[in-house]
Amino acid sequence: MPKKVTLRMCVACRQRKEKEELLKVVRTLDGHLKLDKTYKSNGRGAYICKDEKCLEKCIKTKALNRALEAQVTDELIEELKQNL
């Protein structure tokens, strides 16, 4: 049986890619935002391409803020930049 491919959409460029090709950011149940390297954390999630252009667009348009319904911190943005 073939492997099931899980596709997710980047909040910046709106392209669908396999979830392992994207960074996942989660707003946890207690309201904290974090980078989810396991892709298994509970909460509201949003995905971003592992591309500097997508991250820049995401910051400029506040797409991540809208997707997570929360304010993205500078610390989280720095962590995302380090994990590109």
C-alpha atoms as a PDB file:
ATOM      1  CA  MET A   1       0.000   0.000   0.000  1.00  0.00           C
ATOM      2  CA  PRO A   2       1.474   3.407  -0.955  1.00  0.00           C
ATOM      3  CA  LYS A   3       2.476   5.896   1.712  1.00  0.00           C
ATOM      4  CA  LYS A   4      -0.199   8.492   2.454  1.00  0.00           C
ATOM      5  CA  VAL A   5       1.016  12.012   1.622  1.00  0.00           C
ATOM      6  CA  THR A   6      -0.144  14.754   3.973  1.00  0.00           C
ATOM      7  CA  LEU A   7      -0.366  18.125   2.227  1.00  0.00           C
ATOM      8  CA  ARG A   8      -0.575  21.461   4.013  1.00  0.00           C
ATOM      9  CA  MET A   9      -0.824  25.023   2.667  1.00  0.00           C
ATOM     10  CA  CYS A  10       1.705  27.770   3.313  1.00  0.00           C
ATOM     11  CA  VAL A  11      -0.025  30.829   4.798  1.00  0.00           C
ATOM     12  CA  ALA A  12       2.241  33.157   2.771  1.00  0.00           C
ATOM     13  CA  CYS A  13       2.413  31.778  -0.787  1.00  0.00           C
ATOM     14  CA  ARG A  14      -0.679  29.514  -0.540  1.00  0.00           C
ATOM     15  CA  GLN A  15       1.131  26.564  -2.185  1.00  0.00           C
ATOM     16  CA  ARG A  16       0.383  23.041  -1.015  1.00  0.00           C
ATOM     17  CA  LYS A  17       3.386  20.961   0.021  1.00  0.00           C
ATOM     18  CA  GLU A  18       4.103  17.906   2.129  1.00  0.00           C
ATOM     19  CA  LYS A  19       3.991  18.935   5.771  1.00  0.00           C
ATOM     20  CA  GLU A  20       7.627  17.905   6.330  1.00  0.00           C
ATOM     21  CA  GLU A  21       8.670  20.572   3.791  1.00  0.00           C
ATOM     22  CA  LEU A  22       7.039  23.292   5.917  1.00  0.00           C
ATOM     23  CA  LEU A  23       7.534  24.857   9.338  1.00  0.00           C
ATOM     24  CA  LYS A  24       4.569  24.446  11.680  1.00  0.00           C
ATOM     25  CA  VAL A  25       3.677  27.114  14.209  1.00  0.00           C
ATOM     26  CA  VAL A  26       1.090  26.277  16.867  1.00  0.00           C
ATOM     27  CA  ARG A  27      -1.004  28.371  19.216  1.00  0.00           C
ATOM     28  CA  THR A  28      -1.325  26.011  22.155  1.00  0.00           C
ATOM     29  CA  LEU A  29      -4.458  25.627  24.240  1.00  0.00           C
ATOM     30  CA  ASP A  30      -3.039  28.052  26.834  1.00  0.00           C
ATOM     31  CA  GLY A  31      -2.421  30.717  24.144  1.00  0.00           C
ATOM     32  CA  HIS A  32       1.367  30.446  23.692  1.00  0.00           C
ATOM     33  CA  LEU A  33       2.882  30.372  20.215  1.00  0.00           C
ATOM     34  CA  LYS A  34       5.657  27.902  19.455  1.00  0.00           C
ATOM     35  CA  LEU A  35       7.471  26.218  16.597  1.00  0.00           C
ATOM     36  CA  ASP A  36       6.313  22.596  16.400  1.00  0.00           C
ATOM     37  CA  LYS A  37       9.174  20.452  15.130  1.00  0.00           C
ATOM     38  CA  THR A  38       7.247  17.212  15.778  1.00  0.00           C
ATOM     39  CA  TYR A  39       4.164  18.270  13.750  1.00  0.00           C
ATOM     40  CA  LYS A  40       2.023  16.683  16.496  1.00  0.00           C
ATOM     41  CA  SER A  41       1.317  19.451  19.029  1.00  0.00           C
ATOM     42  CA  ASN A  42      -2.302  20.202  19.877  1.00  0.00           C
ATOM     43  CA  GLY A  43      -3.760  23.606  19.170  1.00  0.00           C
ATOM     44  CA  ARG A  44      -4.346  25.877  16.213  1.00  0.00           C
ATOM     45  CA  GLY A  45      -1.611  25.409  13.622  1.00  0.00           C
ATOM     46  CA  ALA A  46      -0.284  27.268  10.606  1.00  0.00           C
ATOM     47  CA  TYR A  47       2.403  26.295   8.101  1.00  0.00           C
ATOM     48  CA  ILE A  48       5.116  28.321   6.363  1.00  0.00           C
ATOM     49  CA  CYS A  49       7.487  27.246   3.580  1.00  0.00           C
ATOM     50  CA  LYS A  50      11.115  26.812   4.599  1.00  0.00           C
ATOM     51  CA  ASP A  51      11.908  29.802   2.400  1.00  0.00           C
ATOM     52  CA  GLU A  52      13.087  33.243   3.439  1.00  0.00           C
ATOM     53  CA  LYS A  53      10.797  34.946   0.886  1.00  0.00           C
ATOM     54  CA  CYS A  54       7.717  33.239   2.330  1.00  0.00           C
ATOM     55  CA  LEU A  55       8.710  34.178   5.866  1.00  0.00           C
ATOM     56  CA  GLU A  56       9.276  37.817   4.840  1.00  0.00           C
ATOM     57  CA  LYS A  57       5.875  37.918   3.098  1.00  0.00           C
ATOM     58  CA  CYS A  58       4.264  36.309   6.130  1.00  0.00           C
ATOM     59  CA  ILE A  59       5.717  38.990   8.428  1.00  0.00           C
ATOM     60  CA  LYS A  60       4.816  41.854   6.063  1.00  0.00           C
ATOM     61  CA  THR A  61       1.194  40.769   5.501  1.00  0.00           C
ATOM     62  CA  LYS A  62       0.672  39.472   9.058  1.00  0.00           C
ATOM     63  CA  ALA A  63      -0.616  36.204   7.559  1.00  0.00           C
ATOM     64  CA  LEU A  64       0.639  34.183  10.514  1.00  0.00           C
ATOM     65  CA  ASN A  65      -1.121  36.503  12.980  1.00  0.00           C
ATOM     66  CA  ARG A  66      -4.413  36.002  11.135  1.00  0.00           C
ATOM     67  CA  ALA A  67      -4.014  32.245  10.758  1.00  0.00           C
ATOM     68  CA  LEU A  68      -3.243  31.744  14.447  1.00  0.00           C
ATOM     69  CA  GLU A  69      -5.516  34.529  15.684  1.00  0.00           C
ATOM     70  CA  ALA A  70      -2.654  35.747  17.899  1.00  0.00           C
ATOM     71  CA  GLN A  71       0.207  38.239  17.918  1.00  0.00           C
ATOM     72  CA  VAL A  72       3.469  36.701  16.690  1.00  0.00           C
ATOM     73  CA  THR A  73       6.462  37.695  18.825  1.00  0.00           C
ATOM     74  CA  ASP A  74       9.885  38.801  17.587  1.00  0.00           C
ATOM     75  CA  GLU A  75      11.403  35.805  19.433  1.00  0.00           C
ATOM     76  CA  LEU A  76       9.242  33.395  17.411  1.00  0.00           C
ATOM     77  CA  ILE A  77      10.189  35.137  14.159  1.00  0.00           C
ATOM     78  CA  GLU A  78      13.885  34.769  15.052  1.00  0.00           C
ATOM     79  CA  GLU A  79      13.358  31.072  15.842  1.00  0.00           C
ATOM     80  CA  LEU A  80      11.641  30.594  12.475  1.00  0.00           C
ATOM     81  CA  LYS A  81      14.523  32.328  10.674  1.00  0.00           C
ATOM     82  CA  GLN A  82      17.016  30.005  12.399  1.00  0.00           C
ATOM     83  CA  ASN A  83      15.042  26.931  11.293  1.00  0.00           C
ATOM     84  CA  LEU A  84      14.762  27.810   7.576  1.00  0.00           C
END
